[in-house]
């Protein structure tokens, strides 16, 4: 699922504006970069058939400093040939536990925290299985450029508990996936995690 060209242009314009705002000293230059940022938001809203660009303008303004990809952490937790999935309240579909990496967290620590917060289970990280560019893996388009880190984890305690973000916690076999939240994880990615689980000697996959 390749991103539409208009989205690529919008994200590049937004990144140029954000970088310019991070380093410019002249007030006139600042005004020009703010205008580029506003236009990028308007183009993105138009391309996505959104009624108003204001939320995107606010979203872009909250991103400050040099523009870099965001980091999405996902944990593949296995138990007896089954993988842990949680159901997102946002769309009612299922995904690997995970979310945005927090400042101050090591990636593996973020994986452990996300599993605990979203499922109630406690895990230890065994392997960094994959580092992917989200744009290359059949996810629906989004405003940000994202790198995805997948960790294979081992269950070591806790119990299933829903959270503010999740309304279901279950283990599933490879041939019986529920409807997946494709914005967060794809069937191919989950199947690849089963491969890493069964073949711990595999090297980390990357784009």
N, C-alpha and C. Protein backbone atom coordinates (compact mmCIF):
# COMPACT_ATOMS: atom_id res chain seq x y z
N UNK A 1 0.86 -1.19 0.00
CA UNK A 1 0.00 0.00 0.00
C UNK A 1 0.89 1.24 0.00
N UNK A 2 1.24 1.70 -1.20
CA UNK A 2 2.13 2.84 -1.33
C UNK A 2 1.42 4.13 -0.96
N UNK A 3 2.13 5.01 -0.24
CA UNK A 3 1.53 6.30 0.09
C UNK A 3 1.25 7.10 -1.18
N UNK A 4 0.12 7.84 -1.22
CA UNK A 4 -0.13 8.70 -2.38
C UNK A 4 0.93 9.79 -2.46
N UNK A 5 1.22 10.23 -3.69
CA UNK A 5 2.27 11.21 -3.90
C UNK A 5 2.00 12.50 -3.14
N UNK A 6 0.72 12.92 -3.07
CA UNK A 6 0.41 14.16 -2.37
C UNK A 6 0.81 14.10 -0.90
N UNK A 7 0.68 12.91 -0.28
CA UNK A 7 1.05 12.78 1.12
C UNK A 7 2.56 12.89 1.29
N UNK A 8 3.31 12.29 0.37
CA UNK A 8 4.77 12.41 0.43
C UNK A 8 5.20 13.86 0.32
N UNK A 9 4.58 14.61 -0.60
CA UNK A 9 4.92 16.02 -0.75
C UNK A 9 4.58 16.81 0.51
N UNK A 10 3.40 16.55 1.07
CA UNK A 10 2.98 17.28 2.27
C UNK A 10 3.93 17.02 3.42
N UNK A 11 4.32 15.76 3.61
CA UNK A 11 5.22 15.45 4.72
C UNK A 11 6.59 16.09 4.52
N UNK A 12 7.05 16.16 3.27
CA UNK A 12 8.35 16.80 3.00
C UNK A 12 8.28 18.30 3.25
N UNK A 13 7.18 18.93 2.81
CA UNK A 13 7.02 20.36 3.07
C UNK A 13 6.96 20.64 4.58
N UNK A 14 6.23 19.79 5.31
CA UNK A 14 6.13 19.96 6.76
C UNK A 14 7.51 19.82 7.41
N UNK A 15 8.29 18.82 6.98
CA UNK A 15 9.63 18.62 7.55
C UNK A 15 10.53 19.82 7.25
N UNK A 16 10.46 20.35 6.01
CA UNK A 16 11.26 21.53 5.67
C UNK A 16 10.87 22.72 6.53
N UNK A 17 9.57 22.90 6.73
CA UNK A 17 9.11 24.01 7.56
C UNK A 17 9.55 23.83 9.01
N UNK A 18 9.42 22.62 9.52
CA UNK A 18 9.80 22.37 10.92
C UNK A 18 11.29 22.59 11.13
N UNK A 19 12.10 22.10 10.18
CA UNK A 19 13.55 22.31 10.30
C UNK A 19 13.90 23.78 10.20
N UNK A 20 13.23 24.49 9.31
CA UNK A 20 13.49 25.93 9.18
C UNK A 20 13.13 26.68 10.45
N UNK A 21 11.99 26.34 11.05
CA UNK A 21 11.58 26.99 12.29
C UNK A 21 12.53 26.68 13.44
N UNK A 22 13.17 25.51 13.38
CA UNK A 22 14.09 25.12 14.45
C UNK A 22 15.37 25.94 14.43
N UNK A 23 15.77 26.41 13.25
CA UNK A 23 17.09 27.03 13.15
C UNK A 23 17.08 28.48 12.67
N UNK A 24 15.96 28.99 12.16
CA UNK A 24 15.97 30.34 11.61
C UNK A 24 16.12 31.38 12.71
N UNK A 25 16.77 32.49 12.38
CA UNK A 25 16.96 33.59 13.32
C UNK A 25 16.16 34.83 12.94
N UNK A 26 15.84 34.95 11.66
CA UNK A 26 15.17 36.13 11.14
C UNK A 26 13.66 35.98 11.26
N UNK A 27 12.98 37.02 11.74
CA UNK A 27 11.55 36.94 11.94
C UNK A 27 10.79 36.78 10.62
N UNK A 28 11.31 37.37 9.54
CA UNK A 28 10.66 37.20 8.24
C UNK A 28 10.77 35.77 7.76
N UNK A 29 11.93 35.15 7.99
CA UNK A 29 12.08 33.74 7.63
C UNK A 29 11.11 32.88 8.44
N UNK A 30 10.96 33.21 9.72
CA UNK A 30 10.02 32.45 10.56
C UNK A 30 8.61 32.53 10.01
N UNK A 31 8.20 33.70 9.57
CA UNK A 31 6.87 33.86 9.00
C UNK A 31 6.71 33.02 7.73
N UNK A 32 7.77 32.98 6.92
CA UNK A 32 7.71 32.19 5.68
C UNK A 32 7.58 30.70 6.00
N UNK A 33 8.36 30.22 6.96
CA UNK A 33 8.29 28.79 7.32
C UNK A 33 6.94 28.44 7.94
N UNK A 34 6.38 29.34 8.72
CA UNK A 34 5.04 29.12 9.28
C UNK A 34 3.99 29.04 8.18
N UNK A 35 4.17 29.86 7.13
CA UNK A 35 3.24 29.81 6.00
C UNK A 35 3.37 28.48 5.24
N UNK A 36 4.61 28.01 5.06
CA UNK A 36 4.81 26.71 4.41
C UNK A 36 4.15 25.61 5.24
N UNK A 37 4.29 25.69 6.55
CA UNK A 37 3.68 24.71 7.43
C UNK A 37 2.16 24.73 7.32
N UNK A 38 1.59 25.92 7.26
CA UNK A 38 0.14 26.06 7.14
C UNK A 38 -0.34 25.48 5.80
N UNK A 39 0.42 25.77 4.72
CA UNK A 39 0.04 25.25 3.41
C UNK A 39 0.15 23.72 3.36
N UNK A 40 1.18 23.17 4.01
CA UNK A 40 1.32 21.71 4.07
C UNK A 40 0.11 21.09 4.76
N UNK A 41 -0.35 21.73 5.84
CA UNK A 41 -1.54 21.23 6.56
C UNK A 41 -2.78 21.33 5.69
N UNK A 42 -2.93 22.43 4.95
CA UNK A 42 -4.10 22.59 4.07
C UNK A 42 -4.09 21.55 2.96
N UNK A 43 -2.90 21.30 2.37
CA UNK A 43 -2.82 20.31 1.30
C UNK A 43 -3.13 18.91 1.82
N UNK A 44 -2.63 18.61 3.03
CA UNK A 44 -2.88 17.29 3.61
C UNK A 44 -4.36 17.12 3.93
N UNK A 45 -4.98 18.16 4.47
CA UNK A 45 -6.41 18.09 4.77
C UNK A 45 -7.22 17.91 3.50
N UNK A 46 -6.84 18.62 2.44
CA UNK A 46 -7.54 18.50 1.16
C UNK A 46 -7.38 17.10 0.59
N UNK A 47 -6.16 16.58 0.63
CA UNK A 47 -5.91 15.25 0.09
C UNK A 47 -6.64 14.16 0.84
N UNK A 48 -6.79 14.35 2.16
CA UNK A 48 -7.46 13.35 3.00
C UNK A 48 -8.96 13.61 3.13
N UNK A 49 -9.47 14.61 2.41
CA UNK A 49 -10.89 14.98 2.45
C UNK A 49 -11.35 15.34 3.85
N UNK A 50 -10.49 16.04 4.60
CA UNK A 50 -10.86 16.52 5.92
C UNK A 50 -11.55 17.88 5.79
N UNK A 51 -12.53 18.16 6.65
CA UNK A 51 -13.27 19.42 6.52
C UNK A 51 -12.49 20.65 6.96
N UNK A 52 -11.45 20.45 7.76
CA UNK A 52 -10.76 21.58 8.38
C UNK A 52 -9.29 21.23 8.56
N UNK A 53 -8.40 22.16 8.22
CA UNK A 53 -6.96 21.92 8.37
C UNK A 53 -6.43 22.35 9.73
N UNK A 54 -7.25 23.02 10.54
CA UNK A 54 -6.77 23.55 11.83
C UNK A 54 -6.18 22.47 12.74
N UNK A 55 -6.80 21.29 12.87
CA UNK A 55 -6.19 20.27 13.73
C UNK A 55 -4.80 19.85 13.25
N UNK A 56 -4.60 19.81 11.92
CA UNK A 56 -3.28 19.45 11.39
C UNK A 56 -2.27 20.57 11.65
N UNK A 57 -2.71 21.82 11.53
CA UNK A 57 -1.81 22.94 11.85
C UNK A 57 -1.34 22.83 13.29
N UNK A 58 -2.26 22.56 14.21
CA UNK A 58 -1.91 22.41 15.63
C UNK A 58 -0.97 21.22 15.83
N UNK A 59 -1.26 20.12 15.11
CA UNK A 59 -0.41 18.93 15.21
C UNK A 59 1.01 19.25 14.78
N UNK A 60 1.16 19.94 13.66
CA UNK A 60 2.49 20.28 13.17
C UNK A 60 3.21 21.26 14.10
N UNK A 61 2.47 22.23 14.64
CA UNK A 61 3.10 23.22 15.52
C UNK A 61 3.64 22.58 16.79
N UNK A 62 3.02 21.49 17.23
CA UNK A 62 3.48 20.82 18.45
C UNK A 62 4.74 20.01 18.24
N UNK A 63 5.09 19.76 16.97
CA UNK A 63 6.33 19.07 16.66
C UNK A 63 7.41 20.13 16.45
N UNK A 64 8.36 20.20 17.37
CA UNK A 64 9.39 21.23 17.28
C UNK A 64 10.76 20.58 17.22
N UNK A 65 11.76 21.36 16.80
CA UNK A 65 13.09 20.82 16.64
C UNK A 65 13.24 20.18 15.27
N UNK A 66 14.39 19.59 15.03
CA UNK A 66 14.66 18.97 13.73
C UNK A 66 13.70 17.82 13.50
N UNK A 67 13.11 17.75 12.30
CA UNK A 67 12.12 16.73 11.99
C UNK A 67 12.79 15.37 11.77
N UNK A 68 12.37 14.37 12.53
CA UNK A 68 12.87 13.01 12.38
C UNK A 68 11.69 12.05 12.42
N UNK A 69 11.87 10.81 11.95
CA UNK A 69 10.78 9.82 12.05
C UNK A 69 10.42 9.54 13.51
N UNK A 70 9.15 9.23 13.74
CA UNK A 70 8.72 8.79 15.06
C UNK A 70 9.02 7.30 15.22
N UNK A 71 9.08 6.84 16.47
CA UNK A 71 9.40 5.44 16.76
C UNK A 71 8.18 4.76 17.37
N UNK A 72 7.71 3.71 16.71
CA UNK A 72 6.60 2.90 17.21
C UNK A 72 7.17 1.56 17.69
N UNK A 73 6.91 1.22 18.95
CA UNK A 73 7.41 -0.02 19.55
C UNK A 73 6.30 -1.06 19.57
N UNK A 74 6.61 -2.29 19.13
CA UNK A 74 5.65 -3.39 19.19
C UNK A 74 6.31 -4.62 19.83
N UNK A 75 5.54 -5.30 20.68
CA UNK A 75 6.04 -6.47 21.41
C UNK A 75 5.32 -7.72 20.96
N UNK A 76 6.08 -8.71 20.52
CA UNK A 76 5.54 -10.02 20.14
C UNK A 76 5.75 -10.98 21.31
N UNK A 77 4.70 -11.19 22.09
CA UNK A 77 4.78 -12.02 23.31
C UNK A 77 4.18 -13.39 22.99
N UNK A 78 4.95 -14.45 23.24
CA UNK A 78 4.50 -15.80 22.87
C UNK A 78 4.27 -16.67 24.10
N UNK A 79 3.29 -17.54 23.96
CA UNK A 79 3.00 -18.54 24.98
C UNK A 79 2.42 -19.77 24.29
N UNK A 80 3.15 -20.87 24.30
CA UNK A 80 2.71 -22.13 23.72
C UNK A 80 2.19 -21.97 22.29
N UNK A 81 3.05 -21.44 21.44
CA UNK A 81 2.75 -21.28 20.01
C UNK A 81 1.57 -20.33 19.76
N UNK A 82 1.31 -19.43 20.71
CA UNK A 82 0.28 -18.42 20.53
C UNK A 82 0.91 -17.05 20.79
N UNK A 83 0.37 -16.04 20.12
CA UNK A 83 0.90 -14.69 20.25
C UNK A 83 -0.14 -13.79 20.94
N UNK A 84 0.35 -12.89 21.76
CA UNK A 84 -0.52 -11.98 22.51
C UNK A 84 -0.96 -10.81 21.63
N UNK A 85 -2.29 -10.60 21.58
CA UNK A 85 -2.85 -9.44 20.90
C UNK A 85 -3.79 -8.70 21.84
N UNK A 86 -3.89 -7.40 21.65
CA UNK A 86 -4.82 -6.58 22.44
C UNK A 86 -5.77 -5.88 21.48
N UNK A 87 -7.00 -5.65 21.92
CA UNK A 87 -8.00 -4.99 21.09
C UNK A 87 -8.02 -3.50 21.41
N UNK A 88 -7.79 -2.68 20.41
CA UNK A 88 -7.75 -1.23 20.57
C UNK A 88 -9.17 -0.67 20.71
N UNK A 89 -9.38 0.15 21.73
CA UNK A 89 -10.68 0.79 21.87
C UNK A 89 -10.93 1.76 20.71
N UNK A 90 -9.88 2.32 20.16
CA UNK A 90 -10.02 3.34 19.12
C UNK A 90 -10.72 2.81 17.87
N UNK A 91 -10.37 1.60 17.43
CA UNK A 91 -10.98 1.07 16.20
C UNK A 91 -11.62 -0.30 16.37
N UNK A 92 -11.54 -0.89 17.59
CA UNK A 92 -12.16 -2.18 17.84
C UNK A 92 -11.42 -3.36 17.24
N UNK A 93 -10.23 -3.13 16.69
CA UNK A 93 -9.44 -4.20 16.07
C UNK A 93 -8.23 -4.54 16.94
N UNK A 94 -7.52 -5.59 16.55
CA UNK A 94 -6.48 -6.18 17.39
C UNK A 94 -5.08 -5.86 16.86
N UNK A 95 -4.13 -5.81 17.80
CA UNK A 95 -2.76 -5.49 17.45
C UNK A 95 -1.80 -6.07 18.48
N UNK A 96 -0.52 -6.07 18.14
CA UNK A 96 0.51 -6.35 19.14
C UNK A 96 0.54 -5.21 20.14
N UNK A 97 0.75 -5.48 21.42
CA UNK A 97 0.90 -4.38 22.39
C UNK A 97 2.02 -3.44 21.94
N UNK A 98 1.78 -2.15 22.13
CA UNK A 98 2.83 -1.20 21.74
C UNK A 98 2.30 0.21 21.64
N UNK A 99 3.19 1.10 21.18
CA UNK A 99 2.84 2.51 21.03
C UNK A 99 4.09 3.33 20.79
N UNK A 100 3.94 4.65 20.89
CA UNK A 100 5.07 5.54 20.66
C UNK A 100 6.11 5.37 21.77
N UNK A 101 7.37 5.42 21.38
CA UNK A 101 8.46 5.41 22.37
C UNK A 101 8.45 6.72 23.13
N UNK A 102 8.67 6.66 24.44
CA UNK A 102 8.73 7.86 25.27
C UNK A 102 10.17 8.33 25.42
N UNK A 103 10.34 9.64 25.52
CA UNK A 103 11.66 10.20 25.80
C UNK A 103 12.14 9.66 27.15
N UNK A 104 13.38 9.20 27.20
CA UNK A 104 13.94 8.66 28.43
C UNK A 104 13.86 7.16 28.53
N UNK A 105 13.05 6.52 27.68
CA UNK A 105 12.92 5.07 27.67
C UNK A 105 13.88 4.45 26.66
N UNK A 106 14.57 3.38 27.06
CA UNK A 106 15.24 2.53 26.07
C UNK A 106 14.16 1.80 25.29
N UNK A 107 14.39 1.46 24.01
CA UNK A 107 13.35 0.78 23.24
C UNK A 107 12.85 -0.50 23.90
N UNK A 108 13.75 -1.31 24.45
CA UNK A 108 13.31 -2.55 25.10
C UNK A 108 12.47 -2.26 26.34
N UNK A 109 12.84 -1.23 27.07
CA UNK A 109 12.06 -0.85 28.26
C UNK A 109 10.66 -0.39 27.85
N UNK A 110 10.58 0.32 26.72
CA UNK A 110 9.27 0.77 26.22
C UNK A 110 8.40 -0.44 25.87
N UNK A 111 8.99 -1.48 25.29
CA UNK A 111 8.23 -2.69 24.95
C UNK A 111 7.67 -3.34 26.22
N UNK A 112 8.48 -3.46 27.25
CA UNK A 112 8.04 -4.06 28.51
C UNK A 112 6.91 -3.23 29.13
N UNK A 113 7.09 -1.91 29.14
CA UNK A 113 6.07 -1.02 29.71
C UNK A 113 4.76 -1.10 28.95
N UNK A 114 4.82 -1.09 27.62
CA UNK A 114 3.60 -1.12 26.82
C UNK A 114 2.82 -2.41 27.04
N UNK A 115 3.53 -3.54 27.13
CA UNK A 115 2.84 -4.80 27.37
C UNK A 115 2.11 -4.77 28.71
N UNK A 116 2.78 -4.29 29.74
CA UNK A 116 2.18 -4.22 31.07
C UNK A 116 0.97 -3.29 31.07
N UNK A 117 1.12 -2.11 30.47
CA UNK A 117 0.03 -1.12 30.48
C UNK A 117 -1.17 -1.58 29.67
N UNK A 118 -0.94 -2.24 28.54
CA UNK A 118 -2.04 -2.56 27.63
C UNK A 118 -2.64 -3.94 27.85
N UNK A 119 -1.90 -4.84 28.51
CA UNK A 119 -2.40 -6.21 28.65
C UNK A 119 -2.43 -6.74 30.08
N UNK A 120 -1.63 -6.14 30.98
CA UNK A 120 -1.51 -6.64 32.34
C UNK A 120 -0.42 -7.67 32.52
N UNK A 121 0.18 -8.14 31.43
CA UNK A 121 1.21 -9.18 31.53
C UNK A 121 2.60 -8.57 31.72
N UNK A 122 3.47 -9.35 32.35
CA UNK A 122 4.87 -8.97 32.53
C UNK A 122 5.73 -9.82 31.61
N UNK A 123 6.71 -9.19 30.98
CA UNK A 123 7.54 -9.90 30.00
C UNK A 123 9.00 -9.51 30.16
N UNK A 124 9.85 -10.32 29.56
CA UNK A 124 11.26 -9.98 29.36
C UNK A 124 11.51 -9.99 27.85
N UNK A 125 12.34 -9.07 27.41
CA UNK A 125 12.66 -8.97 25.99
C UNK A 125 13.78 -9.94 25.66
N UNK A 126 13.60 -10.72 24.60
CA UNK A 126 14.60 -11.70 24.19
C UNK A 126 15.34 -11.31 22.92
N UNK A 127 14.70 -10.47 22.08
CA UNK A 127 15.33 -10.22 20.78
C UNK A 127 14.69 -9.02 20.10
N UNK A 128 15.52 -8.21 19.46
CA UNK A 128 15.03 -7.21 18.51
C UNK A 128 14.85 -7.93 17.18
N UNK A 129 13.60 -8.19 16.80
CA UNK A 129 13.33 -9.02 15.63
C UNK A 129 13.34 -8.23 14.33
N UNK A 130 12.87 -6.97 14.37
CA UNK A 130 12.76 -6.22 13.12
C UNK A 130 12.73 -4.72 13.38
N UNK A 131 13.29 -3.97 12.44
CA UNK A 131 13.18 -2.51 12.40
C UNK A 131 12.69 -2.16 11.00
N UNK A 132 11.49 -1.61 10.91
CA UNK A 132 10.85 -1.38 9.62
C UNK A 132 10.50 0.09 9.42
N UNK A 133 10.54 0.51 8.16
CA UNK A 133 9.96 1.78 7.73
C UNK A 133 8.48 1.51 7.49
N UNK A 134 7.63 2.16 8.26
CA UNK A 134 6.19 1.91 8.17
C UNK A 134 5.66 2.06 6.75
N UNK A 135 6.22 3.00 6.00
CA UNK A 135 5.72 3.27 4.65
C UNK A 135 5.90 2.09 3.71
N UNK A 136 6.77 1.14 4.04
CA UNK A 136 7.08 0.04 3.14
C UNK A 136 6.31 -1.24 3.47
N UNK A 137 5.32 -1.16 4.38
CA UNK A 137 4.73 -2.40 4.89
C UNK A 137 3.21 -2.42 4.91
N UNK A 138 2.58 -1.92 3.87
CA UNK A 138 1.14 -2.11 3.66
C UNK A 138 0.25 -1.53 4.76
N UNK A 139 0.74 -0.52 5.47
CA UNK A 139 -0.10 0.19 6.42
C UNK A 139 -0.85 1.31 5.71
N UNK A 140 -2.03 1.70 6.19
CA UNK A 140 -2.70 2.87 5.62
C UNK A 140 -1.87 4.12 5.87
N UNK A 141 -1.98 5.13 5.00
CA UNK A 141 -1.16 6.34 5.14
C UNK A 141 -1.45 7.08 6.44
N UNK A 142 -0.43 7.82 6.91
CA UNK A 142 -0.62 8.70 8.07
C UNK A 142 0.27 9.92 7.91
N UNK A 143 0.04 10.92 8.76
CA UNK A 143 0.74 12.20 8.61
C UNK A 143 2.23 12.09 8.86
N UNK A 144 2.64 11.20 9.77
CA UNK A 144 4.04 11.13 10.16
C UNK A 144 4.79 10.01 9.45
N UNK A 145 6.09 10.19 9.32
CA UNK A 145 6.98 9.11 8.89
C UNK A 145 7.39 8.35 10.14
N UNK A 146 7.27 7.02 10.12
CA UNK A 146 7.42 6.22 11.34
C UNK A 146 8.36 5.04 11.10
N UNK A 147 9.25 4.80 12.06
CA UNK A 147 10.02 3.56 12.12
C UNK A 147 9.37 2.66 13.17
N UNK A 148 9.28 1.36 12.88
CA UNK A 148 8.64 0.40 13.78
C UNK A 148 9.68 -0.59 14.28
N UNK A 149 9.77 -0.72 15.61
CA UNK A 149 10.67 -1.68 16.26
C UNK A 149 9.82 -2.84 16.80
N UNK A 150 10.17 -4.07 16.40
CA UNK A 150 9.47 -5.26 16.87
C UNK A 150 10.39 -6.08 17.76
N UNK A 151 9.94 -6.36 18.99
CA UNK A 151 10.71 -7.17 19.94
C UNK A 151 9.99 -8.49 20.20
N UNK A 152 10.73 -9.59 20.19
CA UNK A 152 10.20 -10.88 20.65
C UNK A 152 10.38 -10.93 22.16
N UNK A 153 9.29 -11.23 22.88
CA UNK A 153 9.30 -11.21 24.34
C UNK A 153 8.82 -12.54 24.91
N UNK A 154 9.27 -12.80 26.13
CA UNK A 154 8.87 -14.02 26.83
C UNK A 154 7.97 -13.66 28.02
N UNK A 155 6.87 -14.35 28.14
CA UNK A 155 5.93 -14.13 29.23
C UNK A 155 6.54 -14.59 30.54
N UNK A 156 6.43 -13.75 31.60
CA UNK A 156 7.02 -14.14 32.88
C UNK A 156 6.12 -13.85 34.07
N UNK A 157 4.92 -13.31 33.86
CA UNK A 157 4.03 -13.04 34.98
C UNK A 157 2.86 -12.17 34.59
N UNK A 158 2.10 -11.78 35.60
CA UNK A 158 0.95 -10.92 35.39
C UNK A 158 -0.29 -11.69 34.97
N UNK A 159 -1.35 -10.96 34.67
CA UNK A 159 -2.59 -11.57 34.22
C UNK A 159 -3.30 -10.61 33.27
N UNK A 160 -4.21 -11.14 32.46
CA UNK A 160 -4.90 -10.33 31.46
C UNK A 160 -5.74 -9.25 32.12
N UNK A 161 -5.52 -8.01 31.72
CA UNK A 161 -6.29 -6.87 32.22
C UNK A 161 -6.48 -5.86 31.09
N UNK A 162 -7.70 -5.40 30.93
CA UNK A 162 -7.95 -4.32 29.98
C UNK A 162 -7.38 -3.01 30.51
N UNK A 163 -7.30 -2.02 29.62
CA UNK A 163 -6.73 -0.73 30.01
C UNK A 163 -7.56 0.39 29.41
N UNK A 164 -7.12 1.63 29.62
CA UNK A 164 -7.80 2.77 29.02
C UNK A 164 -7.78 2.71 27.50
N UNK A 165 -6.76 2.04 26.94
CA UNK A 165 -6.60 1.98 25.49
C UNK A 165 -7.08 0.68 24.89
N UNK A 166 -7.23 -0.37 25.72
CA UNK A 166 -7.55 -1.69 25.18
C UNK A 166 -8.79 -2.27 25.86
N UNK A 167 -9.57 -3.03 25.06
CA UNK A 167 -10.80 -3.63 25.58
C UNK A 167 -10.80 -5.15 25.41
N UNK A 168 -9.65 -5.73 25.16
CA UNK A 168 -9.54 -7.18 25.03
C UNK A 168 -8.09 -7.60 25.07
N UNK A 169 -7.82 -8.74 25.69
CA UNK A 169 -6.46 -9.28 25.81
C UNK A 169 -6.56 -10.79 25.62
N UNK A 170 -5.94 -11.30 24.54
CA UNK A 170 -6.01 -12.73 24.28
C UNK A 170 -4.77 -13.21 23.54
N UNK A 171 -4.52 -14.53 23.64
CA UNK A 171 -3.48 -15.16 22.84
C UNK A 171 -4.13 -15.86 21.65
N UNK A 172 -3.48 -15.77 20.48
CA UNK A 172 -4.04 -16.34 19.25
C UNK A 172 -3.00 -17.21 18.54
N UNK A 173 -3.49 -18.26 17.91
CA UNK A 173 -2.63 -19.10 17.09
C UNK A 173 -2.41 -18.44 15.73
N UNK A 174 -1.39 -18.90 15.04
CA UNK A 174 -0.99 -18.26 13.79
C UNK A 174 -2.07 -18.33 12.72
N UNK A 175 -2.90 -19.37 12.75
CA UNK A 175 -3.92 -19.54 11.72
C UNK A 175 -5.29 -19.00 12.12
N UNK A 176 -5.36 -18.26 13.25
CA UNK A 176 -6.65 -17.78 13.73
C UNK A 176 -6.56 -16.35 14.24
N UNK A 177 -6.08 -15.45 13.38
CA UNK A 177 -6.01 -14.04 13.76
C UNK A 177 -7.40 -13.42 13.76
N UNK A 178 -7.68 -12.53 14.70
CA UNK A 178 -8.91 -11.72 14.64
C UNK A 178 -8.69 -10.56 13.66
N UNK A 179 -9.69 -9.72 13.42
CA UNK A 179 -9.48 -8.53 12.57
C UNK A 179 -8.38 -7.64 13.15
N UNK A 180 -7.40 -7.30 12.34
CA UNK A 180 -6.24 -6.56 12.82
C UNK A 180 -6.39 -5.05 12.59
N UNK A 181 -5.80 -4.28 13.51
CA UNK A 181 -5.71 -2.84 13.36
C UNK A 181 -4.54 -2.54 12.41
N UNK A 182 -4.84 -2.41 11.13
CA UNK A 182 -3.79 -2.33 10.12
C UNK A 182 -2.95 -1.06 10.22
N UNK A 183 -3.46 -0.05 10.89
CA UNK A 183 -2.64 1.13 11.12
C UNK A 183 -1.46 0.82 12.05
N UNK A 184 -1.59 -0.26 12.82
CA UNK A 184 -0.57 -0.60 13.82
C UNK A 184 0.25 -1.84 13.46
N UNK A 185 -0.39 -2.84 12.86
CA UNK A 185 0.32 -4.09 12.56
C UNK A 185 -0.36 -4.77 11.38
N UNK A 186 0.41 -5.52 10.60
CA UNK A 186 -0.13 -6.23 9.44
C UNK A 186 -0.03 -7.74 9.66
N UNK A 187 -0.84 -8.53 8.95
CA UNK A 187 -0.72 -9.99 9.06
C UNK A 187 0.68 -10.50 8.74
N UNK A 188 1.31 -9.91 7.72
CA UNK A 188 2.66 -10.35 7.36
C UNK A 188 3.66 -10.11 8.49
N UNK A 189 3.51 -9.00 9.21
CA UNK A 189 4.42 -8.72 10.31
C UNK A 189 4.24 -9.72 11.45
N UNK A 190 2.99 -10.06 11.77
CA UNK A 190 2.75 -11.04 12.83
C UNK A 190 3.30 -12.41 12.44
N UNK A 191 3.06 -12.81 11.20
CA UNK A 191 3.59 -14.10 10.74
C UNK A 191 5.13 -14.10 10.81
N UNK A 192 5.72 -12.97 10.49
CA UNK A 192 7.19 -12.89 10.57
C UNK A 192 7.67 -13.01 12.01
N UNK A 193 6.89 -12.49 12.96
CA UNK A 193 7.26 -12.65 14.36
C UNK A 193 7.21 -14.12 14.78
N UNK A 194 6.24 -14.87 14.27
CA UNK A 194 6.23 -16.31 14.53
C UNK A 194 7.50 -16.96 13.99
N UNK A 195 7.96 -16.49 12.84
CA UNK A 195 9.20 -17.03 12.29
C UNK A 195 10.39 -16.76 13.19
N UNK A 196 10.48 -15.55 13.73
CA UNK A 196 11.58 -15.22 14.64
C UNK A 196 11.47 -16.02 15.94
N UNK A 197 10.26 -16.21 16.41
CA UNK A 197 10.05 -16.98 17.64
C UNK A 197 10.53 -18.42 17.47
N UNK A 198 10.24 -19.02 16.32
CA UNK A 198 10.61 -20.41 16.07
C UNK A 198 12.06 -20.57 15.63
N UNK A 199 12.65 -19.46 15.21
CA UNK A 199 14.03 -19.50 14.72
C UNK A 199 14.84 -18.38 15.39
N UNK A 200 15.16 -18.56 16.66
CA UNK A 200 15.83 -17.47 17.40
C UNK A 200 17.19 -17.09 16.82
N UNK A 201 17.73 -17.92 15.96
CA UNK A 201 19.03 -17.60 15.35
C UNK A 201 18.90 -16.63 14.19
N UNK A 202 17.68 -16.38 13.72
CA UNK A 202 17.50 -15.42 12.62
C UNK A 202 18.07 -14.06 13.01
N UNK A 203 18.72 -13.38 12.08
CA UNK A 203 19.18 -12.00 12.38
C UNK A 203 18.01 -11.04 12.37
N UNK A 204 18.23 -9.85 12.91
CA UNK A 204 17.20 -8.81 12.90
C UNK A 204 16.85 -8.45 11.47
N UNK A 205 15.56 -8.36 11.18
CA UNK A 205 15.09 -7.96 9.85
C UNK A 205 15.04 -6.44 9.79
N UNK A 206 15.35 -5.89 8.62
CA UNK A 206 15.30 -4.43 8.48
C UNK A 206 15.11 -4.08 7.01
N UNK A 207 14.65 -2.84 6.78
CA UNK A 207 14.46 -2.34 5.40
C UNK A 207 15.76 -1.74 4.89
